[in-house]
Protein backbone atom coordinates (compact mmCIF):
# COMPACT_ATOMS: atom_id res chain seq x y z
CA MET A 1 124.64 143.08 0.98
CA LYS A 2 121.70 145.36 1.73
CA LYS A 3 118.54 145.31 -0.39
CA ILE A 4 118.03 148.10 -2.91
CA LYS A 5 114.74 149.99 -2.96
CA LYS A 6 115.37 152.78 -5.50
CA VAL A 7 117.06 152.33 -8.88
CA ILE A 8 118.24 154.72 -11.61
CA LEU A 9 117.99 153.33 -15.16
CA PHE A 10 120.60 154.98 -17.39
CA THR A 11 120.59 154.58 -21.16
CA HIS A 12 120.93 156.40 -24.47
CA ASP A 13 117.85 158.04 -25.93
CA LYS A 14 118.06 155.70 -28.94
CA TYR A 15 117.26 152.83 -26.55
CA GLN A 16 114.34 154.61 -24.85
CA LYS A 17 111.72 152.31 -26.36
CA ASN A 18 113.81 149.15 -26.17
CA LYS A 19 111.67 146.17 -25.14
CA ASP A 20 114.19 144.94 -22.56
CA ILE A 21 114.24 148.30 -20.76
CA ILE A 22 110.45 148.52 -20.83
CA LYS A 23 110.22 144.96 -19.48
CA LEU A 24 112.64 145.68 -16.63
CA SER A 25 110.86 148.93 -15.73
CA ALA A 26 107.55 147.08 -15.47
CA PHE A 27 109.20 144.28 -13.47
CA LEU A 28 110.69 146.73 -10.97
CA LYS A 29 107.35 148.48 -10.63
CA ARG A 30 105.67 145.17 -9.78
CA LYS A 31 108.35 144.59 -7.14
CA LYS A 32 107.58 148.07 -5.70
CA ILE A 33 111.04 149.40 -6.57
CA ASP A 34 111.10 153.14 -7.25
CA THR A 35 112.81 153.96 -10.55
CA GLU A 36 114.08 157.05 -12.33
CA ILE A 37 115.27 157.07 -15.93
CA LEU A 38 118.24 159.13 -17.13
CA LEU A 39 118.55 159.46 -20.91
CA GLN A 40 121.80 160.48 -22.54
CA SER A 41 121.76 162.21 -25.90
CA SER A 42 124.56 163.77 -27.94
CA LYS A 43 124.02 167.01 -26.01
CA ASN A 44 123.05 166.21 -22.43
CA VAL A 45 121.65 163.80 -19.84
CA LYS A 46 117.97 164.30 -19.01
CA VAL A 47 115.92 163.19 -16.00
CA ILE A 48 112.74 161.78 -17.55
CA SER A 49 110.37 162.53 -14.66
CA THR A 50 111.28 166.23 -14.46
CA GLY A 51 112.73 167.00 -17.87
CA GLU A 52 115.77 168.67 -16.29
CA ASN A 53 119.29 168.28 -17.61
CA VAL A 54 121.87 167.06 -15.11
CA GLN A 55 125.66 166.98 -15.03
CA PRO A 56 127.94 164.61 -13.11
CA SER A 57 129.44 166.84 -10.43
CA SER A 58 129.45 167.22 -6.66
CA LYS A 59 126.28 169.31 -7.01
CA ILE A 60 124.31 166.24 -8.10
CA ASN A 61 124.46 165.04 -4.49
CA THR A 62 121.98 167.77 -3.62
CA THR A 63 119.37 166.62 -6.14
CA SER A 64 116.55 164.11 -5.68
CA LEU A 65 118.81 161.47 -7.23
CA LYS A 66 120.93 161.21 -4.08
CA SER A 67 118.37 158.89 -2.42
CA TYR A 68 118.81 156.14 -5.03
CA GLY A 69 120.81 153.01 -4.28
CA LEU A 70 121.91 151.72 -7.70
CA ILE A 71 122.46 152.81 -11.30
CA ILE A 72 121.69 150.22 -13.98
CA VAL A 73 123.23 151.02 -17.38
CA PHE A 74 121.82 149.67 -20.65
CA GLY A 75 124.44 150.01 -23.38
CA GLY A 76 128.08 149.34 -24.09
CA ASP A 77 131.24 150.30 -22.23
CA GLY A 78 131.06 153.86 -23.61
CA LEU A 79 127.69 154.49 -21.99
CA PHE A 80 128.90 152.79 -18.81
CA LEU A 81 131.78 155.29 -18.66
CA SER A 82 129.30 158.16 -18.92
CA ALA A 83 127.08 156.72 -16.20
CA SER A 84 130.07 156.00 -13.96
CA LYS A 85 130.55 159.75 -13.44
CA PHE A 86 127.08 159.95 -11.89
CA ALA A 87 127.69 156.80 -9.82
CA TYR A 88 130.83 158.03 -8.08
CA PHE A 89 129.48 161.53 -7.42
CA LEU A 90 126.32 159.96 -5.95
CA ASN A 91 128.50 157.35 -4.18
CA ILE A 92 126.28 154.46 -5.28
CA PRO A 93 127.04 151.19 -7.13
CA ILE A 94 126.63 150.78 -10.87
CA LEU A 95 125.55 147.68 -12.82
CA GLY A 96 126.03 147.21 -16.57
CA ILE A 97 123.62 145.41 -18.95
CA ASN A 98 125.39 144.67 -22.22
CA PHE A 99 123.71 146.27 -25.23
CA GLY A 100 127.04 146.81 -26.98
CA LYS A 101 129.51 144.56 -28.81
CA ILE A 102 132.27 143.38 -26.46
CA GLY A 103 131.56 145.04 -23.12
CA PHE A 104 134.20 144.40 -20.45
CA LEU A 105 132.36 146.68 -18.00
CA VAL A 106 128.78 145.76 -18.86
CA ASP A 107 128.90 142.11 -17.84
CA VAL A 108 125.21 141.10 -17.51
CA ASP A 109 123.75 139.64 -20.69
CA LYS A 110 120.37 140.88 -21.92
CA LYS A 111 118.84 137.42 -21.65
CA ASP A 112 119.57 137.35 -17.91
CA ILE A 113 118.26 140.83 -17.04
CA LEU A 114 115.27 140.01 -14.83
CA LYS A 115 116.96 137.16 -12.96
CA LYS A 116 120.23 139.01 -12.27
CA VAL A 117 118.63 142.35 -11.42
CA TYR A 118 116.19 140.69 -9.01
CA GLU A 119 119.06 138.91 -7.24
CA ILE A 120 120.90 142.20 -6.89
CA ILE A 121 118.00 144.29 -5.58
CA MET A 122 117.39 141.54 -3.04
CA GLY A 123 120.95 141.94 -1.78
CA ASP A 124 122.66 139.03 -3.54
CA TYR A 125 125.59 140.83 -5.14
CA ILE A 126 129.23 141.74 -4.64
CA ILE A 127 130.84 145.18 -4.81
CA ASP A 128 133.95 145.61 -6.92
CA LYS A 129 135.78 148.85 -6.03
CA ARG A 130 137.69 150.29 -8.98
CA MET A 131 140.53 152.79 -8.95
CA LEU A 132 140.03 156.20 -10.55
CA ILE A 133 142.69 158.69 -11.67
CA ASP A 134 142.61 162.48 -11.43
CA ALA A 135 144.27 164.96 -13.76
CA ASN A 136 145.00 168.67 -13.57
CA VAL A 137 145.58 170.20 -16.99
CA GLN A 138 147.09 173.60 -17.70
CA ASP A 139 146.41 174.73 -21.26
CA ALA A 140 148.18 177.21 -23.54
CA ASN A 141 146.12 180.07 -22.11
CA ASP A 142 146.98 179.02 -18.53
CA ASN A 143 143.44 177.84 -17.85
CA LYS A 144 143.35 174.97 -15.35
CA ILE A 145 140.97 172.06 -15.85
CA THR A 146 140.50 169.07 -13.56
CA SER A 147 138.70 165.80 -14.18
CA THR A 148 138.53 162.14 -13.14
CA SER A 149 138.68 158.99 -15.26
CA LEU A 150 137.78 155.33 -14.77
CA ASN A 151 139.58 154.00 -17.86
CA ASP A 152 142.25 156.37 -19.05
CA ILE A 153 143.60 159.82 -19.74
CA VAL A 154 144.98 160.11 -23.27
CA VAL A 155 147.31 162.80 -24.59
CA TYR A 156 147.54 162.67 -28.37
CA ASN A 157 148.14 164.61 -31.57
CA TYR A 158 145.24 165.94 -33.59
CA GLY A 159 144.74 168.24 -36.54
CA LEU A 160 148.05 167.57 -38.28
CA LEU A 161 149.57 164.19 -39.08
CA LYS A 162 152.72 164.79 -37.08
CA MET A 163 154.16 163.47 -33.85
CA ILE A 164 154.13 165.41 -30.62
CA GLN A 165 157.04 165.68 -28.22
CA ALA A 166 156.55 165.40 -24.48
CA LYS A 167 158.62 165.08 -21.33
CA ILE A 168 157.31 162.43 -18.93
CA TYR A 169 158.14 162.72 -15.24
CA ILE A 170 157.43 160.22 -12.47
CA ASN A 171 157.70 161.64 -8.94
CA ASN A 172 159.52 164.69 -10.40
CA PHE A 173 162.15 162.53 -12.13
CA LEU A 174 162.44 162.93 -15.91
CA VAL A 175 161.89 159.38 -17.20
CA ASN A 176 162.00 160.14 -20.91
CA ILE A 177 161.46 162.66 -23.68
CA GLN A 178 159.07 160.97 -26.04
CA ARG A 179 158.23 161.66 -29.69
CA SER A 180 155.10 159.76 -30.59
CA ASP A 181 151.44 160.05 -31.54
CA GLY A 182 150.68 160.39 -27.82
CA VAL A 183 150.60 158.62 -24.48
CA ILE A 184 147.91 156.72 -22.54
CA ILE A 185 147.72 156.86 -18.75
CA SER A 186 145.51 153.96 -17.73
CA THR A 187 143.96 152.40 -14.64
CA PRO A 188 143.75 148.60 -14.35
CA THR A 189 140.12 148.90 -15.51
CA GLY A 190 141.27 150.73 -18.64
CA SER A 191 143.89 148.12 -19.46
CA THR A 192 141.36 146.32 -21.72
CA ALA A 193 140.66 149.51 -23.69
CA TYR A 194 142.93 151.81 -25.74
CA SER A 195 145.96 150.81 -23.68
CA MET A 196 145.60 147.13 -24.68
CA SER A 197 145.33 148.14 -28.34
CA ASN A 198 148.75 149.79 -28.05
CA GLY A 199 150.57 146.83 -26.57
CA CYS A 200 150.15 147.26 -22.82
CA PRO A 201 149.29 144.08 -20.86
CA ILE A 202 145.87 143.40 -19.38
CA VAL A 203 145.98 144.24 -15.67
CA SER A 204 143.81 142.61 -13.01
CA PRO A 205 141.35 145.30 -11.83
CA ASP A 206 142.31 145.05 -8.16
CA ALA A 207 146.02 145.60 -8.88
CA LYS A 208 147.42 148.80 -7.34
CA VAL A 209 149.13 150.12 -10.46
CA ILE A 210 148.92 152.72 -13.23
CA SER A 211 150.03 152.06 -16.82
CA ILE A 212 151.88 154.50 -19.08
CA THR A 213 151.68 153.45 -22.74
CA PRO A 214 153.17 155.30 -25.72
CA ILE A 215 151.09 155.55 -28.91
CA SER A 216 153.19 154.68 -31.97
CA PRO A 217 156.49 155.97 -30.53
CA HIS A 218 159.23 157.13 -32.89
CA THR A 219 161.80 155.00 -31.04
CA TYR A 220 161.28 151.30 -30.26
CA SER A 221 162.95 151.73 -26.88
CA HIS A 222 159.88 153.56 -25.57
CA ARG A 223 157.88 150.75 -24.02
CA PRO A 224 154.74 150.52 -21.83
CA LEU A 225 155.55 151.14 -18.18
CA ILE A 226 153.67 149.90 -15.09
CA ILE A 227 154.10 152.07 -11.98
CA ASN A 228 152.83 152.04 -8.40
CA HIS A 229 149.45 153.66 -7.73
CA ARG A 230 151.12 156.10 -5.31
CA ASP A 231 153.41 157.50 -8.02
CA LYS A 232 152.64 160.90 -9.53
CA ILE A 233 152.95 161.59 -13.25
CA ARG A 234 153.65 164.88 -14.99
CA ILE A 235 153.57 165.29 -18.78
CA GLU A 236 155.02 168.49 -20.24
CA ILE A 237 154.20 169.13 -23.89
CA ASP A 238 156.91 170.74 -26.03
CA LYS A 239 155.97 174.29 -27.02
CA ASN A 240 156.08 173.34 -30.73
CA SER A 241 153.59 170.51 -30.12
CA VAL A 242 151.03 172.27 -27.90
CA LYS A 243 148.87 173.52 -30.77
CA ASN A 244 148.55 169.97 -32.14
CA THR A 245 147.78 168.24 -28.83
CA LEU A 246 144.53 167.18 -27.14
CA VAL A 247 143.77 165.52 -23.79
CA THR A 248 140.74 163.26 -23.40
CA PHE A 249 139.27 161.74 -20.25
CA ASP A 250 137.63 158.34 -20.84
CA GLY A 251 137.39 159.05 -24.55
CA ALA A 252 134.50 161.26 -25.58
CA ASN A 253 132.47 160.40 -22.47
CA ASN A 254 133.63 163.22 -20.23
CA LEU A 255 135.89 166.04 -21.33
CA ASN A 256 138.36 167.08 -24.03
CA VAL A 257 141.01 169.75 -23.44
CA ALA A 258 142.78 171.32 -26.42
CA HIS A 259 146.34 172.72 -26.40
CA PRO A 260 147.55 171.37 -23.05
CA LYS A 261 150.96 172.43 -21.72
CA ILE A 262 151.18 170.47 -18.48
CA ILE A 263 149.19 167.43 -17.33
CA ASP A 264 149.54 166.23 -13.72
CA ILE A 265 148.04 162.81 -13.01
CA LYS A 266 147.63 160.80 -9.82
CA LYS A 267 145.39 158.20 -8.23
CA SER A 268 142.05 159.67 -7.15
CA ASN A 269 140.77 159.62 -3.58
CA LYS A 270 137.42 158.50 -5.02
CA THR A 271 136.57 154.97 -6.13
CA LEU A 272 133.82 153.55 -8.33
CA MET A 273 131.64 150.77 -6.91
CA ILE A 274 130.58 148.23 -9.54
CA ALA A 275 127.82 145.80 -8.58
CA HIS A 276 128.24 142.25 -9.89
CA PRO A 277 126.12 139.08 -9.58
CA LEU A 278 127.50 136.58 -7.08
CA ASP A 279 128.82 134.34 -9.87
CA TYR A 280 130.94 137.14 -11.42
CA ASN A 281 134.51 136.20 -12.33
CA TYR A 282 136.78 138.74 -14.06
CA PHE A 283 138.90 136.08 -15.74
CA LYS A 284 135.79 134.33 -17.04
CA ILE A 285 134.79 137.66 -18.64
CA LEU A 286 138.21 137.90 -20.31
CA ASN A 287 137.94 134.31 -21.50
CA GLN A 288 134.53 134.92 -23.06
CA LYS A 289 135.07 138.40 -24.50
CA LEU A 290 138.49 137.68 -25.99
CA LYS A 291 137.49 134.14 -27.06
CA TRP A 292 140.43 132.55 -25.29
CA GLY A 293 140.70 128.79 -25.20
CA GLY A 294 138.70 128.15 -28.36
CA ARG A 295 139.81 125.60 -30.90
CA SER A 296 141.27 127.01 -34.09
């Protein structure tokens, strides 16, 4: 792979003075690698050198950030999801350094930062292209909202402790009418997140599928469903459930839409490029993170 000469460091403002980030910044400077730091707070993402706030959208391609070749994220999977929006709009790879707890997406350990980052900027890395999913949401006021997710799009009840009712269509065919706490539409990448917690299997990230997983369904016959990536999903919320329904895109890392009526979901034309060290193995990550194979 080609060498990388300009790097964006993306982290939360609570990590701004972290010794590992400071050490890597100094290391990259010694290697004559241009760096820019993006800090996420509870309110916005700020470019340190200019003080401006930036949003992940097609407009970011017109900023000075478009000349960078890699985003390095310091944090957990939540922060990686936030940074991924910038990566796919800038069309550059993203690398995760694990500052979190489990971290399926942030696969480089803190103790290996300098070694692994140096290998990558010198061109010794692989690119893992991940599927994204798009959704168009029409809310109770007929506003239309669109967004893209790496992990999942979740439709669920909020406010009142009561189930919501929804019709689920695949390619315009009514598959079921579901009463539950909600439904998770997941990519293979998101299969190790909320979807897994609700009984859906772990899916290899290069599989061409989308998962549909009910959240605490009223009827046991409603089971997780794996469909082809070319299939199109429509979810229609019952009029009596709309006021108690919310849609989230990658959790709280992107966008929440209250009172949705119709949610149309399909595979995105965009992909996310994740940079991995040459020794990366997805199944090794699963083995380590989920502690498989250990003696009881």
